[in-house]
Amino acid sequence: MTEAQELTERDWESRRELCANILQTVHRDAILMCSDEAHFHLNSCVNKQYFHYWSETNPQQVHERPLHSAQVTVWCAIAEFGIVGLYFFKERGITVTVTSDRYIEVLENFLQPQLEEMDVADAWFQQDGATAHTAQRSMQVLREMFPAKLITLRGDGWPAHSPDLAPCDFFLWGYLKSKVYTHRPENLQTLKDTLHQEIAAIPPAMTKRVMRVFRNGLEESIANDGHHLEISFLKQDDKNYFIYPFLCYNEIFCIFYRFYRINFEM
């Protein structure tokens, strides 16, 4: 079962038009960076308040976990050439909320130097419609950094309610969580170190395939009239395929599962 925010007929039309616009405007050989933030909890918690476990017998077991798990909030961008990040939102060592001022700090003091160091120029930049992203000052900085090459709710157009189309959501966060929590980090510093380790281990061949899947998803969205993308299941034919779920948490919808098939053959 897939649980997702309802898309209206107006959303379907918007998704069709905006997906077509992105495909037409951003050429296949263009550099496109897709960005987002995510929380990584120390106890790898998932919202399970509406989950029930069924059994023929009562296991008489209680699973205890902290009410408020320690966490880190990170920013990343994914492109064909690899991952830009990690950036941790923190002040005096404490995780803080993402605000427009802090987002601008990421753009000016982290992303811009990273792009200059990697000699990446004339790139496109995609972000979702989070308030910190679309605040007036944030948009002003973004338009200066990416003139006429900004994909957002207030730019050339990113469809609302569409994490199923975003590479960080349909791939990166779920993939990282599937890797990071196998290490069972015991404190926030270990969690941060493990995140850096797993980010560094992602090969460019994988990110290149992810971005190809991204374009395929835009085409699929147009083909199915802007509805949610179909779930892709594993099919093996002399090749190794991986299926990655992602979990999205925000005020609008609880858990949204999107599965994509990523060919991880090197």
C-alpha atoms as a PDB file:
ATOM      1  CA  MET A   1       0.000   0.000   0.000  1.00  0.00           C
ATOM      2  CA  THR A   2       1.205   3.503  -0.833  1.00  0.00           C
ATOM      3  CA  GLU A   3      -0.003   6.395   1.309  1.00  0.00           C
ATOM      4  CA  ALA A   4       0.381   9.832  -0.257  1.00  0.00           C
ATOM      5  CA  GLN A   5      -1.151  13.247  -0.199  1.00  0.00           C
ATOM      6  CA  GLU A   6      -4.130  13.484  -2.480  1.00  0.00           C
ATOM      7  CA  LEU A   7      -3.500  15.178  -5.802  1.00  0.00           C
ATOM      8  CA  THR A   8      -6.365  17.190  -7.267  1.00  0.00           C
ATOM      9  CA  GLU A   9      -7.177  17.593 -10.936  1.00  0.00           C
ATOM     10  CA  ARG A  10      -5.433  20.955 -10.763  1.00  0.00           C
ATOM     11  CA  ASP A  11      -2.333  19.246  -9.356  1.00  0.00           C
ATOM     12  CA  TRP A  12      -2.373  16.710 -12.196  1.00  0.00           C
ATOM     13  CA  GLU A  13      -2.415  19.473 -14.797  1.00  0.00           C
ATOM     14  CA  SER A  14       0.339  21.385 -13.014  1.00  0.00           C
ATOM     15  CA  ARG A  15       2.548  18.304 -12.728  1.00  0.00           C
ATOM     16  CA  ARG A  16       2.132  17.512 -16.437  1.00  0.00           C
ATOM     17  CA  GLU A  17       2.979  21.054 -17.512  1.00  0.00           C
ATOM     18  CA  LEU A  18       5.904  21.563 -15.138  1.00  0.00           C
ATOM     19  CA  CYS A  19       7.447  18.164 -15.867  1.00  0.00           C
ATOM     20  CA  ALA A  20       7.255  18.890 -19.580  1.00  0.00           C
ATOM     21  CA  ASN A  21       8.807  22.317 -19.013  1.00  0.00           C
ATOM     22  CA  ILE A  22      11.738  20.857 -17.046  1.00  0.00           C
ATOM     23  CA  LEU A  23      12.405  18.222 -19.718  1.00  0.00           C
ATOM     24  CA  GLN A  24      12.306  20.851 -22.447  1.00  0.00           C
ATOM     25  CA  THR A  25      14.343  23.488 -20.607  1.00  0.00           C
ATOM     26  CA  VAL A  26      16.988  21.382 -18.851  1.00  0.00           C
ATOM     27  CA  HIS A  27      18.817  19.465 -21.556  1.00  0.00           C
ATOM     28  CA  ARG A  28      20.194  15.988 -20.892  1.00  0.00           C
ATOM     29  CA  ASP A  29      23.795  17.191 -20.934  1.00  0.00           C
ATOM     30  CA  ALA A  30      23.108  20.093 -18.535  1.00  0.00           C
ATOM     31  CA  ILE A  31      24.349  20.039 -14.934  1.00  0.00           C
ATOM     32  CA  LEU A  32      21.362  19.769 -12.589  1.00  0.00           C
ATOM     33  CA  MET A  33      21.664  19.697  -8.811  1.00  0.00           C
ATOM     34  CA  CYS A  34      18.635  18.562  -6.801  1.00  0.00           C
ATOM     35  CA  SER A  35      18.728  19.572  -3.145  1.00  0.00           C
ATOM     36  CA  ASP A  36      16.881  18.955   0.108  1.00  0.00           C
ATOM     37  CA  GLU A  37      17.183  18.573   3.890  1.00  0.00           C
ATOM     38  CA  ALA A  38      16.497  15.557   6.093  1.00  0.00           C
ATOM     39  CA  HIS A  39      16.551  14.548   9.752  1.00  0.00           C
ATOM     40  CA  PHE A  40      18.591  11.586  10.956  1.00  0.00           C
ATOM     41  CA  HIS A  41      17.574  10.445  14.441  1.00  0.00           C
ATOM     42  CA  LEU A  42      20.038   8.693  16.688  1.00  0.00           C
ATOM     43  CA  ASN A  43      17.567   5.896  17.465  1.00  0.00           C
ATOM     44  CA  SER A  44      16.534   5.582  13.775  1.00  0.00           C
ATOM     45  CA  CYS A  45      12.928   6.184  14.785  1.00  0.00           C
ATOM     46  CA  VAL A  46       9.993   6.034  12.389  1.00  0.00           C
ATOM     47  CA  ASN A  47       6.556   7.406  13.181  1.00  0.00           C
ATOM     48  CA  LYS A  48       4.657   4.253  14.161  1.00  0.00           C
ATOM     49  CA  GLN A  49       1.737   5.640  16.119  1.00  0.00           C
ATOM     50  CA  TYR A  50      -0.719   4.195  13.602  1.00  0.00           C
ATOM     51  CA  PHE A  51       1.114   0.902  13.103  1.00  0.00           C
ATOM     52  CA  HIS A  52      -0.245  -2.350  14.590  1.00  0.00           C
ATOM     53  CA  TYR A  53       1.424  -5.752  14.791  1.00  0.00           C
ATOM     54  CA  TRP A  54      -0.853  -8.769  14.512  1.00  0.00           C
ATOM     55  CA  SER A  55      -0.050 -12.127  16.079  1.00  0.00           C
ATOM     56  CA  GLU A  56      -1.878 -15.257  17.228  1.00  0.00           C
ATOM     57  CA  THR A  57      -0.301 -14.885  20.655  1.00  0.00           C
ATOM     58  CA  ASN A  58       0.413 -11.946  22.945  1.00  0.00           C
ATOM     59  CA  PRO A  59       4.224 -11.482  22.994  1.00  0.00           C
ATOM     60  CA  GLN A  60       3.999  -9.563  26.296  1.00  0.00           C
ATOM     61  CA  GLN A  61       6.757  -7.252  25.139  1.00  0.00           C
ATOM     62  CA  VAL A  62       7.112  -3.498  25.411  1.00  0.00           C
ATOM     63  CA  HIS A  63       9.414  -1.623  23.045  1.00  0.00           C
ATOM     64  CA  GLU A  64      10.782   1.483  24.746  1.00  0.00           C
ATOM     65  CA  ARG A  65      12.449   4.418  23.034  1.00  0.00           C
ATOM     66  CA  PRO A  66      13.116   8.065  23.980  1.00  0.00           C
ATOM     67  CA  LEU A  67      10.217  10.481  23.515  1.00  0.00           C
ATOM     68  CA  HIS A  68      12.509  12.977  21.780  1.00  0.00           C
ATOM     69  CA  SER A  69      15.391  11.263  20.042  1.00  0.00           C
ATOM     70  CA  ALA A  70      18.581  13.229  19.440  1.00  0.00           C
ATOM     71  CA  GLN A  71      18.975  14.063  15.768  1.00  0.00           C
ATOM     72  CA  VAL A  72      20.979  15.874  13.140  1.00  0.00           C
ATOM     73  CA  THR A  73      19.526  17.904  10.278  1.00  0.00           C
ATOM     74  CA  VAL A  74      21.516  17.766   7.055  1.00  0.00           C
ATOM     75  CA  TRP A  75      21.478  19.384   3.620  1.00  0.00           C
ATOM     76  CA  CYS A  76      22.679  17.718   0.435  1.00  0.00           C
ATOM     77  CA  ALA A  77      22.462  18.130  -3.302  1.00  0.00           C
ATOM     78  CA  ILE A  78      22.696  15.297  -5.791  1.00  0.00           C
ATOM     79  CA  ALA A  79      23.862  15.588  -9.397  1.00  0.00           C
ATOM     80  CA  GLU A  80      25.248  13.298 -12.071  1.00  0.00           C
ATOM     81  CA  PHE A  81      28.805  14.056 -10.944  1.00  0.00           C
ATOM     82  CA  GLY A  82      28.083  13.056  -7.332  1.00  0.00           C
ATOM     83  CA  ILE A  83      26.893  14.456  -4.004  1.00  0.00           C
ATOM     84  CA  VAL A  84      27.429  18.007  -2.739  1.00  0.00           C
ATOM     85  CA  GLY A  85      27.341  17.938   1.061  1.00  0.00           C
ATOM     86  CA  LEU A  86      26.909  17.136   3.881  1.00  0.00           C
ATOM     87  CA  TYR A  87      26.011  20.359   5.653  1.00  0.00           C
ATOM     88  CA  PHE A  88      24.812  20.075   9.259  1.00  0.00           C
ATOM     89  CA  PHE A  89      22.439  22.702  10.627  1.00  0.00           C
ATOM     90  CA  LYS A  90      23.844  23.429  14.058  1.00  0.00           C
ATOM     91  CA  GLU A  91      24.826  26.278  16.363  1.00  0.00           C
ATOM     92  CA  ARG A  92      27.251  25.750  19.234  1.00  0.00           C
ATOM     93  CA  GLY A  93      27.082  22.038  18.492  1.00  0.00           C
ATOM     94  CA  ILE A  94      23.273  21.908  18.820  1.00  0.00           C
ATOM     95  CA  THR A  95      20.973  20.952  15.932  1.00  0.00           C
ATOM     96  CA  VAL A  96      18.798  23.895  14.899  1.00  0.00           C
ATOM     97  CA  THR A  97      15.728  24.474  12.744  1.00  0.00           C
ATOM     98  CA  VAL A  98      16.191  25.355   9.080  1.00  0.00           C
ATOM     99  CA  THR A  99      15.297  29.031   8.638  1.00  0.00           C
ATOM    100  CA  SER A 100      15.757  31.315   5.647  1.00  0.00           C
ATOM    101  CA  ASP A 101      18.824  32.926   7.249  1.00  0.00           C
ATOM    102  CA  ARG A 102      20.419  29.544   7.888  1.00  0.00           C
ATOM    103  CA  TYR A 103      19.517  28.374   4.404  1.00  0.00           C
ATOM    104  CA  ILE A 104      21.200  31.450   2.920  1.00  0.00           C
ATOM    105  CA  GLU A 105      24.276  30.590   4.967  1.00  0.00           C
ATOM    106  CA  VAL A 106      24.306  27.149   3.295  1.00  0.00           C
ATOM    107  CA  LEU A 107      24.047  28.716  -0.151  1.00  0.00           C
ATOM    108  CA  GLU A 108      26.649  31.449   0.308  1.00  0.00           C
ATOM    109  CA  ASN A 109      29.159  29.918   2.700  1.00  0.00           C
ATOM    110  CA  PHE A 110      28.959  26.233   1.784  1.00  0.00           C
ATOM    111  CA  LEU A 111      27.460  25.578  -1.652  1.00  0.00           C
ATOM    112  CA  GLN A 112      29.105  28.451  -3.524  1.00  0.00           C
ATOM    113  CA  PRO A 113      32.655  27.603  -2.334  1.00  0.00           C
ATOM    114  CA  GLN A 114      32.015  23.918  -3.084  1.00  0.00           C
ATOM    115  CA  LEU A 115      30.976  24.706  -6.661  1.00  0.00           C
ATOM    116  CA  GLU A 116      34.019  26.934  -7.160  1.00  0.00           C
ATOM    117  CA  GLU A 117      36.330  24.240  -5.782  1.00  0.00           C
ATOM    118  CA  MET A 118      34.814  21.609  -8.090  1.00  0.00           C
ATOM    119  CA  ASP A 119      34.857  24.071 -11.009  1.00  0.00           C
ATOM    120  CA  VAL A 120      31.120  23.622 -11.549  1.00  0.00           C
ATOM    121  CA  ALA A 121      29.613  26.532 -13.461  1.00  0.00           C
ATOM    122  CA  ASP A 122      26.433  27.241 -15.369  1.00  0.00           C
ATOM    123  CA  ALA A 123      24.466  24.663 -13.346  1.00  0.00           C
ATOM    124  CA  TRP A 124      20.743  24.294 -12.714  1.00  0.00           C
ATOM    125  CA  PHE A 125      19.484  24.135  -9.133  1.00  0.00           C
ATOM    126  CA  GLN A 126      16.305  22.413  -7.921  1.00  0.00           C
ATOM    127  CA  GLN A 127      14.635  22.750  -4.527  1.00  0.00           C
ATOM    128  CA  ASP A 128      11.173  22.115  -3.089  1.00  0.00           C
ATOM    129  CA  GLY A 129       8.745  24.690  -1.749  1.00  0.00           C
ATOM    130  CA  ALA A 130       9.791  24.724   1.914  1.00  0.00           C
ATOM    131  CA  THR A 131       9.308  28.134   3.528  1.00  0.00           C
ATOM    132  CA  ALA A 132      13.038  28.603   4.159  1.00  0.00           C
ATOM    133  CA  HIS A 133      13.692  27.885   0.478  1.00  0.00           C
ATOM    134  CA  THR A 134      11.125  30.259  -0.990  1.00  0.00           C
ATOM    135  CA  ALA A 135      11.485  33.196   1.422  1.00  0.00           C
ATOM    136  CA  GLN A 136      12.153  36.478  -0.371  1.00  0.00           C
ATOM    137  CA  ARG A 137      15.790  36.767   0.739  1.00  0.00           C
ATOM    138  CA  SER A 138      16.503  33.108  -0.093  1.00  0.00           C
ATOM    139  CA  MET A 139      15.058  33.538  -3.576  1.00  0.00           C
ATOM    140  CA  GLN A 140      17.109  36.676  -4.130  1.00  0.00           C
ATOM    141  CA  VAL A 141      20.328  34.822  -3.315  1.00  0.00           C
ATOM    142  CA  LEU A 142      19.346  31.832  -5.444  1.00  0.00           C
ATOM    143  CA  ARG A 143      18.517  33.988  -8.475  1.00  0.00           C
ATOM    144  CA  GLU A 144      21.922  35.641  -8.200  1.00  0.00           C
ATOM    145  CA  MET A 145      23.690  32.273  -7.929  1.00  0.00           C
ATOM    146  CA  PHE A 146      21.647  30.520 -10.627  1.00  0.00           C
ATOM    147  CA  PRO A 147      20.326  33.211 -13.003  1.00  0.00           C
ATOM    148  CA  ALA A 148      17.483  31.800 -15.123  1.00  0.00           C
ATOM    149  CA  LYS A 149      18.428  28.286 -13.993  1.00  0.00           C
ATOM    150  CA  LEU A 150      16.378  27.813 -10.851  1.00  0.00           C
ATOM    151  CA  ILE A 151      13.711  25.132 -10.484  1.00  0.00           C
ATOM    152  CA  THR A 152      11.473  25.893  -7.524  1.00  0.00           C
ATOM    153  CA  LEU A 153       7.880  26.802  -6.705  1.00  0.00           C
ATOM    154  CA  ARG A 154       8.750  30.436  -7.409  1.00  0.00           C
ATOM    155  CA  GLY A 155      11.218  29.893 -10.220  1.00  0.00           C
ATOM    156  CA  ASP A 156      10.861  28.011 -13.489  1.00  0.00           C
ATOM    157  CA  GLY A 157       8.477  25.688 -11.704  1.00  0.00           C
ATOM    158  CA  TRP A 158       8.700  22.658  -9.432  1.00  0.00           C
ATOM    159  CA  PRO A 159       5.374  20.859  -8.963  1.00  0.00           C
ATOM    160  CA  ALA A 160       3.927  21.012  -5.470  1.00  0.00           C
ATOM    161  CA  HIS A 161       3.347  17.816  -3.458  1.00  0.00           C
ATOM    162  CA  SER A 162       5.836  15.890  -5.591  1.00  0.00           C
ATOM    163  CA  PRO A 163       8.485  14.146  -3.483  1.00  0.00           C
ATOM    164  CA  ASP A 164       8.008  11.132  -5.756  1.00  0.00           C
ATOM    165  CA  LEU A 165       9.821  13.134  -8.447  1.00  0.00           C
ATOM    166  CA  ALA A 166      12.681  14.470  -6.282  1.00  0.00           C
ATOM    167  CA  PRO A 167      15.970  12.483  -6.265  1.00  0.00           C
ATOM    168  CA  CYS A 168      16.764  13.242  -2.627  1.00  0.00           C
ATOM    169  CA  ASP A 169      13.358  11.891  -1.608  1.00  0.00           C
ATOM    170  CA  PHE A 170      12.967   8.893  -3.898  1.00  0.00           C
ATOM    171  CA  PHE A 171      16.574   7.793  -3.495  1.00  0.00           C
ATOM    172  CA  LEU A 172      19.136   9.579  -1.341  1.00  0.00           C
ATOM    173  CA  TRP A 173      17.520   9.758   2.108  1.00  0.00           C
ATOM    174  CA  GLY A 174      16.166   6.219   2.038  1.00  0.00           C
ATOM    175  CA  TYR A 175      19.466   4.861   0.735  1.00  0.00           C
ATOM    176  CA  LEU A 176      21.500   6.667   3.396  1.00  0.00           C
ATOM    177  CA  LYS A 177      19.227   5.537   6.211  1.00  0.00           C
ATOM    178  CA  SER A 178      19.413   1.941   5.004  1.00  0.00           C
ATOM    179  CA  LYS A 179      23.219   2.184   5.221  1.00  0.00           C
ATOM    180  CA  VAL A 180      23.801   4.420   8.231  1.00  0.00           C
ATOM    181  CA  TYR A 181      21.652   2.551  10.729  1.00  0.00           C
ATOM    182  CA  THR A 182      23.326  -0.783  10.033  1.00  0.00           C
ATOM    183  CA  HIS A 183      26.292   0.744  11.921  1.00  0.00           C
ATOM    184  CA  ARG A 184      24.098   1.368  14.982  1.00  0.00           C
ATOM    185  CA  PRO A 185      25.647   4.754  15.875  1.00  0.00           C
ATOM    186  CA  GLU A 186      25.664   5.293  19.632  1.00  0.00           C
ATOM    187  CA  ASN A 187      26.087   9.082  19.706  1.00  0.00           C
ATOM    188  CA  LEU A 188      25.616  12.076  17.426  1.00  0.00           C
ATOM    189  CA  GLN A 189      29.293  12.343  16.507  1.00  0.00           C
ATOM    190  CA  THR A 190      29.340   8.716  15.371  1.00  0.00           C
ATOM    191  CA  LEU A 191      26.133   9.360  13.426  1.00  0.00           C
ATOM    192  CA  LYS A 192      27.743  12.338  11.681  1.00  0.00           C
ATOM    193  CA  ASP A 193      30.927  10.399  10.917  1.00  0.00           C
ATOM    194  CA  THR A 194      28.891   7.516   9.495  1.00  0.00           C
ATOM    195  CA  LEU A 195      26.893   9.884   7.291  1.00  0.00           C
ATOM    196  CA  HIS A 196      30.109  11.336   5.880  1.00  0.00           C
ATOM    197  CA  GLN A 197      31.441   7.820   5.321  1.00  0.00           C
ATOM    198  CA  GLU A 198      28.359   6.610   3.449  1.00  0.00           C
ATOM    199  CA  ILE A 199      28.103   9.776   1.348  1.00  0.00           C
ATOM    200  CA  ALA A 200      31.736   9.395   0.301  1.00  0.00           C
ATOM    201  CA  ALA A 201      31.072   5.757  -0.666  1.00  0.00           C
ATOM    202  CA  ILE A 202      28.362   6.633  -3.212  1.00  0.00           C
ATOM    203  CA  PRO A 203      30.003   6.266  -6.638  1.00  0.00           C
ATOM    204  CA  PRO A 204      29.341   8.699  -9.511  1.00  0.00           C
ATOM    205  CA  ALA A 205      28.001   5.770 -11.529  1.00  0.00           C
ATOM    206  CA  MET A 206      25.135   5.481  -9.053  1.00  0.00           C
ATOM    207  CA  THR A 207      24.282   9.191  -8.998  1.00  0.00           C
ATOM    208  CA  LYS A 208      24.366   9.243 -12.781  1.00  0.00           C
ATOM    209  CA  ARG A 209      21.785   6.448 -12.863  1.00  0.00           C
ATOM    210  CA  VAL A 210      19.680   8.217 -10.243  1.00  0.00           C
ATOM    211  CA  MET A 211      19.511  11.367 -12.345  1.00  0.00           C
ATOM    212  CA  ARG A 212      18.561   9.278 -15.360  1.00  0.00           C
ATOM    213  CA  VAL A 213      15.738   7.788 -13.294  1.00  0.00           C
ATOM    214  CA  PHE A 214      14.755  11.355 -12.370  1.00  0.00           C
ATOM    215  CA  ARG A 215      14.217  12.275 -16.011  1.00  0.00           C
ATOM    216  CA  ASN A 216      12.377   9.006 -16.597  1.00  0.00           C
ATOM    217  CA  GLY A 217      10.102   9.912 -13.691  1.00  0.00           C
ATOM    218  CA  LEU A 218       9.245  13.251 -15.285  1.00  0.00           C
ATOM    219  CA  GLU A 219       8.365  11.470 -18.521  1.00  0.00           C
ATOM    220  CA  GLU A 220       6.292   8.900 -16.622  1.00  0.00           C
ATOM    221  CA  SER A 221       4.405  11.651 -14.798  1.00  0.00           C
ATOM    222  CA  ILE A 222       3.455  13.216 -18.127  1.00  0.00           C
ATOM    223  CA  ALA A 223       2.414   9.836 -19.525  1.00  0.00           C
ATOM    224  CA  ASN A 224       0.082   9.084 -16.603  1.00  0.00           C
ATOM    225  CA  ASP A 225      -1.522  12.554 -16.694  1.00  0.00           C
ATOM    226  CA  GLY A 226       0.232  13.912 -13.619  1.00  0.00           C
ATOM    227  CA  HIS A 227      -0.864  11.210 -11.193  1.00  0.00           C
ATOM    228  CA  HIS A 228       1.459   9.689  -8.616  1.00  0.00           C
ATOM    229  CA  LEU A 229       4.145   7.513 -10.154  1.00  0.00           C
ATOM    230  CA  GLU A 230       3.606   3.789 -10.223  1.00  0.00           C
ATOM    231  CA  ILE A 231       5.557   1.580  -7.805  1.00  0.00           C
ATOM    232  CA  SER A 232       8.471  -0.110  -9.554  1.00  0.00           C
ATOM    233  CA  PHE A 233       9.220  -3.674  -8.503  1.00  0.00           C
ATOM    234  CA  LEU A 234      12.460  -5.612  -8.724  1.00  0.00           C
ATOM    235  CA  LYS A 235      13.025  -7.623 -11.884  1.00  0.00           C
ATOM    236  CA  GLN A 236      16.271  -9.476 -12.426  1.00  0.00           C
ATOM    237  CA  ASP A 237      17.703 -10.559 -15.756  1.00  0.00           C
ATOM    238  CA  ASP A 238      21.428 -11.118 -15.363  1.00  0.00           C
ATOM    239  CA  LYS A 239      21.687  -7.721 -13.688  1.00  0.00           C
ATOM    240  CA  ASN A 240      21.575  -6.564 -10.092  1.00  0.00           C
ATOM    241  CA  TYR A 241      18.820  -4.116  -9.284  1.00  0.00           C
ATOM    242  CA  PHE A 242      18.139  -2.395  -6.010  1.00  0.00           C
ATOM    243  CA  ILE A 243      14.799  -1.049  -4.843  1.00  0.00           C
ATOM    244  CA  TYR A 244      14.914   1.861  -2.440  1.00  0.00           C
ATOM    245  CA  PRO A 245      12.007   3.102  -0.334  1.00  0.00           C
ATOM    246  CA  PHE A 246      11.902   6.602   1.047  1.00  0.00           C
ATOM    247  CA  LEU A 247      10.085   8.075   3.981  1.00  0.00           C
ATOM    248  CA  CYS A 248       8.902  11.677   3.894  1.00  0.00           C
ATOM    249  CA  TYR A 249       7.787  13.423   7.044  1.00  0.00           C
ATOM    250  CA  ASN A 250       6.094  16.808   7.112  1.00  0.00           C
ATOM    251  CA  GLU A 251       2.933  18.485   8.283  1.00  0.00           C
ATOM    252  CA  ILE A 252       0.905  17.457   5.256  1.00  0.00           C
ATOM    253  CA  PHE A 253       1.423  13.723   4.909  1.00  0.00           C
ATOM    254  CA  CYS A 254       2.742  11.056   7.243  1.00  0.00           C
ATOM    255  CA  ILE A 255       4.540   8.368   5.296  1.00  0.00           C
ATOM    256  CA  PHE A 256       4.938   8.195   1.539  1.00  0.00           C
ATOM    257  CA  TYR A 257       6.649   5.214   0.005  1.00  0.00           C
ATOM    258  CA  ARG A 258       8.223   5.502  -3.434  1.00  0.00           C
ATOM    259  CA  PHE A 259      10.210   2.665  -4.940  1.00  0.00           C
ATOM    260  CA  TYR A 260      12.683   3.086  -7.756  1.00  0.00           C
ATOM    261  CA  ARG A 261      14.836   0.583  -9.535  1.00  0.00           C
ATOM    262  CA  ILE A 262      18.483   1.626  -9.605  1.00  0.00           C
ATOM    263  CA  ASN A 263      20.932  -0.443 -11.608  1.00  0.00           C
ATOM    264  CA  PHE A 264      24.003  -0.763  -9.384  1.00  0.00           C
ATOM    265  CA  GLU A 265      26.182  -2.718 -11.785  1.00  0.00           C
ATOM    266  CA  MET A 266      29.654  -1.214 -12.008  1.00  0.00           C
END
